Amino acid sequence: MRIVKLTALLISFSFLMILTGCVAEQDYKDLRVQNNTQRKRIAKLESDVQTSKLKLDQSKRELEATGSQSTIEIDALQQQVVLLEKGLMDKRQLISSMQHQLLYGGASLPVELSTMLEDFANGEEMVTYDPNNGIVKFKSDLLFKSGSDDVLSSANNAVKSLCKILNSDQGKNFDIIVAGHTDDQVIRYSRAKHPSNWHLSSHRAISVLTLMGSCNVSPGRMSVRGFGEYRPITPNKSKNKGNKMNRRVEIYIVPKGV
């Protein structure tokens, strides 16, 4: 009787393992489908952004050329520019949010870790922290000299303080993605090393990653991304004059394996 019960138990356990495996595989397939759908939506939005940017540039050129036009026509053009800028920013913010969901899943960090990061950001002029998404942002103007990817000595302590949190019991089970961003200003004095803003943003992310590695953050936990000028969080000024808010390094704190 005991053998029969044991056999039945083993069969039930095996069936449960197979069923669990099937569910996990199905969940993975569902997630992959959702991610592919999300990527297509992002690609469509990015195409819309380019179209909106062309319309905005055209409207700005028309506004600059309004010499003898009536006040009503000028006001209409100004209003059109404002609406286009707002629509462009809304699309960019939506893209950023959707990209983050793809990257991270949209979940917030554990309370203890989030509190540590919030306290850290409150004590650093160059740092902001988004508790909803688990993103630490460094202002590039305080992290690097213009056109450079060398981390300023004055910024070392801030990065080292972050590393202590990431190596703590609360943070050690998370991976880190370092993402560099620039504004749309053309690189002038360091083009031999950074031919484009894509290069500069990537090189800056690598410099931060290298510094974090020297602070004993495991290389296996870290990766880098470079977005150049193509993920602004606020509009750049006209004629490629940039915006300092878009010059930043973002550090995503994500579950292992993401």
C-alpha atoms as a PDB file:
ATOM      1  CA  MET A   1       0.000   0.000   0.000  1.00  0.00           C
ATOM      2  CA  ARG A   2       2.843   2.374   0.905  1.00  0.00           C
ATOM      3  CA  ILE A   3       4.528   1.652  -2.444  1.00  0.00           C
ATOM      4  CA  VAL A   4       1.316   2.449  -4.310  1.00  0.00           C
ATOM      5  CA  LYS A   5       0.923   5.736  -2.414  1.00  0.00           C
ATOM      6  CA  LEU A   6       4.565   6.635  -3.023  1.00  0.00           C
ATOM      7  CA  THR A   7       4.207   5.872  -6.732  1.00  0.00           C
ATOM      8  CA  ALA A   8       1.072   7.994  -6.929  1.00  0.00           C
ATOM      9  CA  LEU A   9       2.869  10.817  -5.131  1.00  0.00           C
ATOM     10  CA  LEU A  10       5.807  10.670  -7.534  1.00  0.00           C
ATOM     11  CA  ILE A  11       3.472  10.687 -10.535  1.00  0.00           C
ATOM     12  CA  SER A  12       1.587  13.675  -9.107  1.00  0.00           C
ATOM     13  CA  PHE A  13       4.851  15.498  -8.425  1.00  0.00           C
ATOM     14  CA  SER A  14       6.141  14.793 -11.942  1.00  0.00           C
ATOM     15  CA  PHE A  15       2.877  16.007 -13.453  1.00  0.00           C
ATOM     16  CA  LEU A  16       3.078  19.173 -11.358  1.00  0.00           C
ATOM     17  CA  MET A  17       6.647  19.840 -12.508  1.00  0.00           C
ATOM     18  CA  ILE A  18       5.649  19.354 -16.149  1.00  0.00           C
ATOM     19  CA  LEU A  19       2.623  21.587 -15.692  1.00  0.00           C
ATOM     20  CA  THR A  20       4.717  24.249 -13.957  1.00  0.00           C
ATOM     21  CA  GLY A  21       7.249  24.098 -16.768  1.00  0.00           C
ATOM     22  CA  CYS A  22       4.505  24.523 -19.356  1.00  0.00           C
ATOM     23  CA  VAL A  23       3.078  27.503 -17.484  1.00  0.00           C
ATOM     24  CA  ALA A  24       6.516  29.107 -17.174  1.00  0.00           C
ATOM     25  CA  GLU A  25       7.168  28.554 -20.874  1.00  0.00           C
ATOM     26  CA  GLN A  26       3.775  30.011 -21.764  1.00  0.00           C
ATOM     27  CA  ASP A  27       4.431  33.026 -19.494  1.00  0.00           C
ATOM     28  CA  TYR A  28       7.745  33.549 -21.276  1.00  0.00           C
ATOM     29  CA  LYS A  29       6.051  33.372 -24.684  1.00  0.00           C
ATOM     30  CA  ASP A  30       3.360  35.816 -23.554  1.00  0.00           C
ATOM     31  CA  LEU A  31       6.006  38.209 -22.240  1.00  0.00           C
ATOM     32  CA  ARG A  32       7.948  37.979 -25.496  1.00  0.00           C
ATOM     33  CA  VAL A  33       4.792  38.784 -27.494  1.00  0.00           C
ATOM     34  CA  GLN A  34       4.056  41.747 -25.213  1.00  0.00           C
ATOM     35  CA  ASN A  35       7.616  43.015 -25.586  1.00  0.00           C
ATOM     36  CA  ASN A  36       7.485  42.732 -29.383  1.00  0.00           C
ATOM     37  CA  THR A  37       4.203  44.647 -29.415  1.00  0.00           C
ATOM     38  CA  GLN A  38       5.723  47.278 -27.139  1.00  0.00           C
ATOM     39  CA  ARG A  39       8.756  47.639 -29.412  1.00  0.00           C
ATOM     40  CA  LYS A  40       6.508  48.151 -32.458  1.00  0.00           C
ATOM     41  CA  ARG A  41       4.555  50.845 -30.593  1.00  0.00           C
ATOM     42  CA  ILE A  42       7.807  52.537 -29.617  1.00  0.00           C
ATOM     43  CA  ALA A  43       9.068  52.410 -33.221  1.00  0.00           C
ATOM     44  CA  LYS A  44       5.809  54.011 -34.416  1.00  0.00           C
ATOM     45  CA  LEU A  45       6.065  56.723 -31.762  1.00  0.00           C
ATOM     46  CA  GLU A  46       9.693  57.418 -32.673  1.00  0.00           C
ATOM     47  CA  SER A  47       8.621  57.837 -36.302  1.00  0.00           C
ATOM     48  CA  ASP A  48       5.879  60.233 -35.153  1.00  0.00           C
ATOM     49  CA  VAL A  49       8.485  62.157 -33.153  1.00  0.00           C
ATOM     50  CA  GLN A  50      10.620  62.670 -36.251  1.00  0.00           C
ATOM     51  CA  THR A  51       7.583  63.871 -38.216  1.00  0.00           C
ATOM     52  CA  SER A  52       6.578  66.236 -35.396  1.00  0.00           C
ATOM     53  CA  LYS A  53      10.128  67.558 -35.154  1.00  0.00           C
ATOM     54  CA  LEU A  54      10.155  68.369 -38.884  1.00  0.00           C
ATOM     55  CA  LYS A  55       6.823  70.204 -38.535  1.00  0.00           C
ATOM     56  CA  LEU A  56       8.143  72.073 -35.494  1.00  0.00           C
ATOM     57  CA  ASP A  57      11.323  73.128 -37.287  1.00  0.00           C
ATOM     58  CA  GLN A  58       9.271  74.305 -40.264  1.00  0.00           C
ATOM     59  CA  SER A  59       6.929  76.322 -38.026  1.00  0.00           C
ATOM     60  CA  LYS A  60       9.907  77.926 -36.264  1.00  0.00           C
ATOM     61  CA  ARG A  61      11.428  78.906 -39.612  1.00  0.00           C
ATOM     62  CA  GLU A  62       8.108  80.419 -40.680  1.00  0.00           C
ATOM     63  CA  LEU A  63       7.905  82.302 -37.399  1.00  0.00           C
ATOM     64  CA  GLU A  64      11.421  83.693 -37.819  1.00  0.00           C
ATOM     65  CA  ALA A  65      10.504  84.831 -41.335  1.00  0.00           C
ATOM     66  CA  THR A  66       7.376  86.735 -40.250  1.00  0.00           C
ATOM     67  CA  GLY A  67       8.471  90.221 -41.179  1.00  0.00           C
ATOM     68  CA  SER A  68       5.391  91.908 -42.614  1.00  0.00           C
ATOM     69  CA  GLN A  69       2.698  89.482 -41.508  1.00  0.00           C
ATOM     70  CA  SER A  70      -0.139  90.578 -39.264  1.00  0.00           C
ATOM     71  CA  THR A  71      -0.173  90.130 -35.514  1.00  0.00           C
ATOM     72  CA  ILE A  72      -2.936  87.535 -35.881  1.00  0.00           C
ATOM     73  CA  GLU A  73      -0.794  85.411 -38.212  1.00  0.00           C
ATOM     74  CA  ILE A  74       2.221  85.698 -35.897  1.00  0.00           C
ATOM     75  CA  ASP A  75       0.122  84.734 -32.867  1.00  0.00           C
ATOM     76  CA  ALA A  76      -1.249  81.726 -34.755  1.00  0.00           C
ATOM     77  CA  LEU A  77       2.268  80.574 -35.643  1.00  0.00           C
ATOM     78  CA  GLN A  78       3.466  81.055 -32.061  1.00  0.00           C
ATOM     79  CA  GLN A  79       0.536  79.015 -30.766  1.00  0.00           C
ATOM     80  CA  GLN A  80       1.272  76.307 -33.342  1.00  0.00           C
ATOM     81  CA  VAL A  81       4.898  76.142 -32.185  1.00  0.00           C
ATOM     82  CA  VAL A  82       3.826  75.829 -28.534  1.00  0.00           C
ATOM     83  CA  LEU A  83       1.382  73.021 -29.349  1.00  0.00           C
ATOM     84  CA  LEU A  84       3.945  71.170 -31.465  1.00  0.00           C
ATOM     85  CA  GLU A  85       6.570  71.455 -28.716  1.00  0.00           C
ATOM     86  CA  LYS A  86       4.115  70.116 -26.136  1.00  0.00           C
ATOM     87  CA  GLY A  87       3.053  67.255 -28.410  1.00  0.00           C
ATOM     88  CA  LEU A  88       6.697  66.409 -29.099  1.00  0.00           C
ATOM     89  CA  MET A  89       7.541  66.373 -25.400  1.00  0.00           C
ATOM     90  CA  ASP A  90       4.496  64.217 -24.579  1.00  0.00           C
ATOM     91  CA  LYS A  91       5.543  61.661 -27.204  1.00  0.00           C
ATOM     92  CA  ARG A  92       9.121  61.615 -25.932  1.00  0.00           C
ATOM     93  CA  GLN A  93       7.973  61.121 -22.351  1.00  0.00           C
ATOM     94  CA  LEU A  94       5.694  58.277 -23.451  1.00  0.00           C
ATOM     95  CA  ILE A  95       8.567  56.646 -25.349  1.00  0.00           C
ATOM     96  CA  SER A  96      10.800  56.978 -22.288  1.00  0.00           C
ATOM     97  CA  SER A  97       8.135  55.403 -20.077  1.00  0.00           C
ATOM     98  CA  MET A  98       7.532  52.535 -22.510  1.00  0.00           C
ATOM     99  CA  GLN A  99      11.275  51.933 -22.916  1.00  0.00           C
ATOM    100  CA  HIS A 100      11.589  51.749 -19.157  1.00  0.00           C
ATOM    101  CA  GLN A 101       8.774  49.211 -18.934  1.00  0.00           C
ATOM    102  CA  LEU A 102      10.586  47.091 -21.521  1.00  0.00           C
ATOM    103  CA  LEU A 103      13.847  47.440 -19.651  1.00  0.00           C
ATOM    104  CA  TYR A 104      12.627  47.140 -16.123  1.00  0.00           C
ATOM    105  CA  GLY A 105       9.012  46.039 -15.998  1.00  0.00           C
ATOM    106  CA  GLY A 106       7.772  49.187 -14.303  1.00  0.00           C
ATOM    107  CA  ALA A 107       8.137  47.904 -10.736  1.00  0.00           C
ATOM    108  CA  SER A 108       9.487  50.038  -7.899  1.00  0.00           C
ATOM    109  CA  LEU A 109      12.457  48.988  -5.757  1.00  0.00           C
ATOM    110  CA  PRO A 110      12.167  47.508  -2.266  1.00  0.00           C
ATOM    111  CA  VAL A 111      11.388  50.171   0.355  1.00  0.00           C
ATOM    112  CA  GLU A 112      14.700  49.918   2.224  1.00  0.00           C
ATOM    113  CA  LEU A 113      16.792  50.224  -0.940  1.00  0.00           C
ATOM    114  CA  SER A 114      14.618  53.018  -2.311  1.00  0.00           C
ATOM    115  CA  THR A 115      14.946  54.965   0.959  1.00  0.00           C
ATOM    116  CA  MET A 116      18.735  54.632   0.878  1.00  0.00           C
ATOM    117  CA  LEU A 117      18.831  55.936  -2.706  1.00  0.00           C
ATOM    118  CA  GLU A 118      16.482  58.791  -1.891  1.00  0.00           C
ATOM    119  CA  ASP A 119      18.637  59.867   1.068  1.00  0.00           C
ATOM    120  CA  PHE A 120      21.715  59.634  -1.150  1.00  0.00           C
ATOM    121  CA  ALA A 121      20.158  61.841  -3.862  1.00  0.00           C
ATOM    122  CA  ASN A 122      18.972  64.407  -1.321  1.00  0.00           C
ATOM    123  CA  GLY A 123      22.560  64.857  -0.172  1.00  0.00           C
ATOM    124  CA  GLU A 124      24.099  65.264  -3.649  1.00  0.00           C
ATOM    125  CA  GLU A 125      23.710  68.334  -5.860  1.00  0.00           C
ATOM    126  CA  MET A 126      24.444  66.380  -9.028  1.00  0.00           C
ATOM    127  CA  VAL A 127      22.006  63.527  -8.363  1.00  0.00           C
ATOM    128  CA  THR A 128      18.258  63.014  -8.623  1.00  0.00           C
ATOM    129  CA  TYR A 129      16.346  59.813  -7.913  1.00  0.00           C
ATOM    130  CA  ASP A 130      13.013  58.587  -9.258  1.00  0.00           C
ATOM    131  CA  PRO A 131      11.526  56.183  -6.670  1.00  0.00           C
ATOM    132  CA  ASN A 132       8.747  55.105  -9.039  1.00  0.00           C
ATOM    133  CA  ASN A 133      11.182  53.666 -11.584  1.00  0.00           C
ATOM    134  CA  GLY A 134      14.379  53.071  -9.630  1.00  0.00           C
ATOM    135  CA  ILE A 135      16.480  55.458 -11.731  1.00  0.00           C
ATOM    136  CA  VAL A 136      19.404  57.468 -10.376  1.00  0.00           C
ATOM    137  CA  LYS A 137      20.322  60.424 -12.633  1.00  0.00           C
ATOM    138  CA  PHE A 138      23.668  62.242 -12.608  1.00  0.00           C
ATOM    139  CA  LYS A 139      23.865  65.698 -14.200  1.00  0.00           C
ATOM    140  CA  SER A 140      26.615  65.410 -16.806  1.00  0.00           C
ATOM    141  CA  ASP A 141      27.721  69.041 -16.408  1.00  0.00           C
ATOM    142  CA  LEU A 142      28.761  68.213 -12.832  1.00  0.00           C
ATOM    143  CA  LEU A 143      30.100  64.768 -13.755  1.00  0.00           C
ATOM    144  CA  PHE A 144      32.248  65.681 -16.785  1.00  0.00           C
ATOM    145  CA  LYS A 145      33.885  68.655 -18.451  1.00  0.00           C
ATOM    146  CA  SER A 146      32.268  69.767 -21.706  1.00  0.00           C
ATOM    147  CA  GLY A 147      32.973  67.252 -24.481  1.00  0.00           C
ATOM    148  CA  SER A 148      34.905  64.954 -22.120  1.00  0.00           C
ATOM    149  CA  ASP A 149      34.298  61.444 -20.818  1.00  0.00           C
ATOM    150  CA  ASP A 150      36.702  61.765 -17.865  1.00  0.00           C
ATOM    151  CA  VAL A 151      34.779  61.704 -14.581  1.00  0.00           C
ATOM    152  CA  LEU A 152      35.633  64.822 -12.573  1.00  0.00           C
ATOM    153  CA  SER A 153      37.466  64.197  -9.301  1.00  0.00           C
ATOM    154  CA  SER A 154      34.772  66.237  -7.559  1.00  0.00           C
ATOM    155  CA  ALA A 155      32.211  63.642  -8.669  1.00  0.00           C
ATOM    156  CA  ASN A 156      34.136  60.570  -7.518  1.00  0.00           C
ATOM    157  CA  ASN A 157      32.755  60.601  -3.988  1.00  0.00           C
ATOM    158  CA  ALA A 158      29.154  60.705  -5.218  1.00  0.00           C
ATOM    159  CA  VAL A 159      29.680  57.673  -7.473  1.00  0.00           C
ATOM    160  CA  LYS A 160      31.506  55.833  -4.667  1.00  0.00           C
ATOM    161  CA  SER A 161      28.643  56.537  -2.266  1.00  0.00           C
ATOM    162  CA  LEU A 162      26.202  55.052  -4.759  1.00  0.00           C
ATOM    163  CA  CYS A 163      28.416  51.980  -5.089  1.00  0.00           C
ATOM    164  CA  LYS A 164      28.271  51.396  -1.342  1.00  0.00           C
ATOM    165  CA  ILE A 165      24.486  51.282  -1.590  1.00  0.00           C
ATOM    166  CA  LEU A 166      24.586  48.964  -4.607  1.00  0.00           C
ATOM    167  CA  ASN A 167      26.968  46.612  -2.759  1.00  0.00           C
ATOM    168  CA  SER A 168      24.909  46.637   0.436  1.00  0.00           C
ATOM    169  CA  ASP A 169      22.681  43.747   1.518  1.00  0.00           C
ATOM    170  CA  GLN A 170      19.713  45.705   0.144  1.00  0.00           C
ATOM    171  CA  GLY A 171      21.266  46.391  -3.264  1.00  0.00           C
ATOM    172  CA  LYS A 172      23.595  43.495  -4.032  1.00  0.00           C
ATOM    173  CA  ASN A 173      20.917  41.353  -5.675  1.00  0.00           C
ATOM    174  CA  PHE A 174      20.188  43.934  -8.389  1.00  0.00           C
ATOM    175  CA  ASP A 175      21.909  44.568 -11.722  1.00  0.00           C
ATOM    176  CA  ILE A 176      22.909  48.004 -13.017  1.00  0.00           C
ATOM    177  CA  ILE A 177      22.462  49.548 -16.454  1.00  0.00           C
ATOM    178  CA  VAL A 178      24.398  52.786 -17.062  1.00  0.00           C
ATOM    179  CA  ALA A 179      22.866  54.913 -19.840  1.00  0.00           C
ATOM    180  CA  GLY A 180      24.513  58.045 -21.261  1.00  0.00           C
ATOM    181  CA  HIS A 181      22.599  60.952 -22.830  1.00  0.00           C
ATOM    182  CA  THR A 182      23.639  64.236 -24.464  1.00  0.00           C
ATOM    183  CA  ASP A 183      21.876  67.292 -25.847  1.00  0.00           C
ATOM    184  CA  ASP A 184      21.967  68.147 -29.552  1.00  0.00           C
ATOM    185  CA  GLN A 185      25.016  70.418 -29.480  1.00  0.00           C
ATOM    186  CA  VAL A 186      27.630  69.474 -32.058  1.00  0.00           C
ATOM    187  CA  ILE A 187      30.924  68.144 -30.656  1.00  0.00           C
ATOM    188  CA  ARG A 188      33.671  70.585 -31.575  1.00  0.00           C
ATOM    189  CA  TYR A 189      36.899  70.051 -29.636  1.00  0.00           C
ATOM    190  CA  SER A 190      37.007  66.304 -28.989  1.00  0.00           C
ATOM    191  CA  ARG A 191      35.703  64.829 -32.258  1.00  0.00           C
ATOM    192  CA  ALA A 192      38.824  62.701 -32.715  1.00  0.00           C
ATOM    193  CA  LYS A 193      37.858  60.775 -29.572  1.00  0.00           C
ATOM    194  CA  HIS A 194      34.071  61.248 -29.751  1.00  0.00           C
ATOM    195  CA  PRO A 195      32.998  61.524 -33.434  1.00  0.00           C
ATOM    196  CA  SER A 196      29.338  61.945 -32.490  1.00  0.00           C
ATOM    197  CA  ASN A 197      27.051  62.442 -29.497  1.00  0.00           C
ATOM    198  CA  TRP A 198      26.345  58.710 -29.640  1.00  0.00           C
ATOM    199  CA  HIS A 199      30.037  58.058 -29.043  1.00  0.00           C
ATOM    200  CA  LEU A 200      30.238  60.657 -26.282  1.00  0.00           C
ATOM    201  CA  SER A 201      27.185  59.305 -24.450  1.00  0.00           C
ATOM    202  CA  SER A 202      28.463  55.724 -24.684  1.00  0.00           C
ATOM    203  CA  HIS A 203      31.997  56.683 -23.611  1.00  0.00           C
ATOM    204  CA  ARG A 204      30.633  58.587 -20.614  1.00  0.00           C
ATOM    205  CA  ALA A 205      28.523  55.604 -19.576  1.00  0.00           C
ATOM    206  CA  ILE A 206      31.605  53.369 -19.849  1.00  0.00           C
ATOM    207  CA  SER A 207      33.632  55.801 -17.712  1.00  0.00           C
ATOM    208  CA  VAL A 208      31.008  55.671 -14.954  1.00  0.00           C
ATOM    209  CA  LEU A 209      30.841  51.882 -15.233  1.00  0.00           C
ATOM    210  CA  THR A 210      34.648  51.675 -14.972  1.00  0.00           C
ATOM    211  CA  LEU A 211      34.649  53.842 -11.855  1.00  0.00           C
ATOM    212  CA  MET A 212      31.900  51.685 -10.326  1.00  0.00           C
ATOM    213  CA  GLY A 213      33.966  48.595 -11.131  1.00  0.00           C
ATOM    214  CA  SER A 214      36.914  50.104  -9.234  1.00  0.00           C
ATOM    215  CA  CYS A 215      34.521  50.414  -6.267  1.00  0.00           C
ATOM    216  CA  ASN A 216      34.020  46.633  -6.277  1.00  0.00           C
ATOM    217  CA  VAL A 217      30.681  46.542  -8.092  1.00  0.00           C
ATOM    218  CA  SER A 218      30.828  43.196  -9.898  1.00  0.00           C
ATOM    219  CA  PRO A 219      31.351  43.553 -13.678  1.00  0.00           C
ATOM    220  CA  GLY A 220      28.786  40.802 -14.195  1.00  0.00           C
ATOM    221  CA  ARG A 221      26.100  43.087 -12.739  1.00  0.00           C
ATOM    222  CA  MET A 222      26.755  46.026 -15.069  1.00  0.00           C
ATOM    223  CA  SER A 223      26.103  47.015 -18.686  1.00  0.00           C
ATOM    224  CA  VAL A 224      26.057  50.289 -20.646  1.00  0.00           C
ATOM    225  CA  ARG A 225      23.900  52.034 -23.217  1.00  0.00           C
ATOM    226  CA  GLY A 226      24.439  55.256 -25.179  1.00  0.00           C
ATOM    227  CA  PHE A 227      21.494  57.239 -26.540  1.00  0.00           C
ATOM    228  CA  GLY A 228      23.283  60.369 -27.744  1.00  0.00           C
ATOM    229  CA  GLU A 229      20.872  63.254 -28.305  1.00  0.00           C
ATOM    230  CA  TYR A 230      17.887  61.076 -29.179  1.00  0.00           C
ATOM    231  CA  ARG A 231      16.173  60.723 -25.781  1.00  0.00           C
ATOM    232  CA  PRO A 232      15.804  64.331 -24.537  1.00  0.00           C
ATOM    233  CA  ILE A 233      13.690  64.902 -21.445  1.00  0.00           C
ATOM    234  CA  THR A 234      13.124  68.589 -22.267  1.00  0.00           C
ATOM    235  CA  PRO A 235      13.217  70.448 -25.611  1.00  0.00           C
ATOM    236  CA  ASN A 236      16.637  71.551 -26.813  1.00  0.00           C
ATOM    237  CA  LYS A 237      17.031  75.202 -27.792  1.00  0.00           C
ATOM    238  CA  SER A 238      16.789  76.072 -31.464  1.00  0.00           C
ATOM    239  CA  LYS A 239      19.826  75.986 -33.761  1.00  0.00           C
ATOM    240  CA  ASN A 240      21.527  73.142 -31.852  1.00  0.00           C
ATOM    241  CA  LYS A 241      22.068  75.170 -28.681  1.00  0.00           C
ATOM    242  CA  GLY A 242      21.180  72.219 -26.489  1.00  0.00           C
ATOM    243  CA  ASN A 243      19.745  72.032 -22.989  1.00  0.00           C
ATOM    244  CA  LYS A 244      21.765  71.087 -19.918  1.00  0.00           C
ATOM    245  CA  MET A 245      18.914  68.976 -18.519  1.00  0.00           C
ATOM    246  CA  ASN A 246      19.354  66.548 -21.423  1.00  0.00           C
ATOM    247  CA  ARG A 247      23.048  66.033 -20.606  1.00  0.00           C
ATOM    248  CA  ARG A 248      22.851  63.251 -18.057  1.00  0.00           C
ATOM    249  CA  VAL A 249      23.886  59.744 -17.052  1.00  0.00           C
ATOM    250  CA  GLU A 250      21.050  57.500 -15.879  1.00  0.00           C
ATOM    251  CA  ILE A 251      21.649  54.442 -13.738  1.00  0.00           C
ATOM    252  CA  TYR A 252      18.881  51.846 -13.884  1.00  0.00           C
ATOM    253  CA  ILE A 253      18.739  49.475 -10.914  1.00  0.00           C
ATOM    254  CA  VAL A 254      17.048  46.352 -12.241  1.00  0.00           C
ATOM    255  CA  PRO A 255      16.353  42.734 -11.223  1.00  0.00           C
ATOM    256  CA  LYS A 256      19.152  40.297 -12.043  1.00  0.00           C
ATOM    257  CA  GLY A 257      19.146  39.011 -15.596  1.00  0.00           C
ATOM    258  CA  VAL A 258      17.027  41.811 -17.101  1.00  0.00           C
END
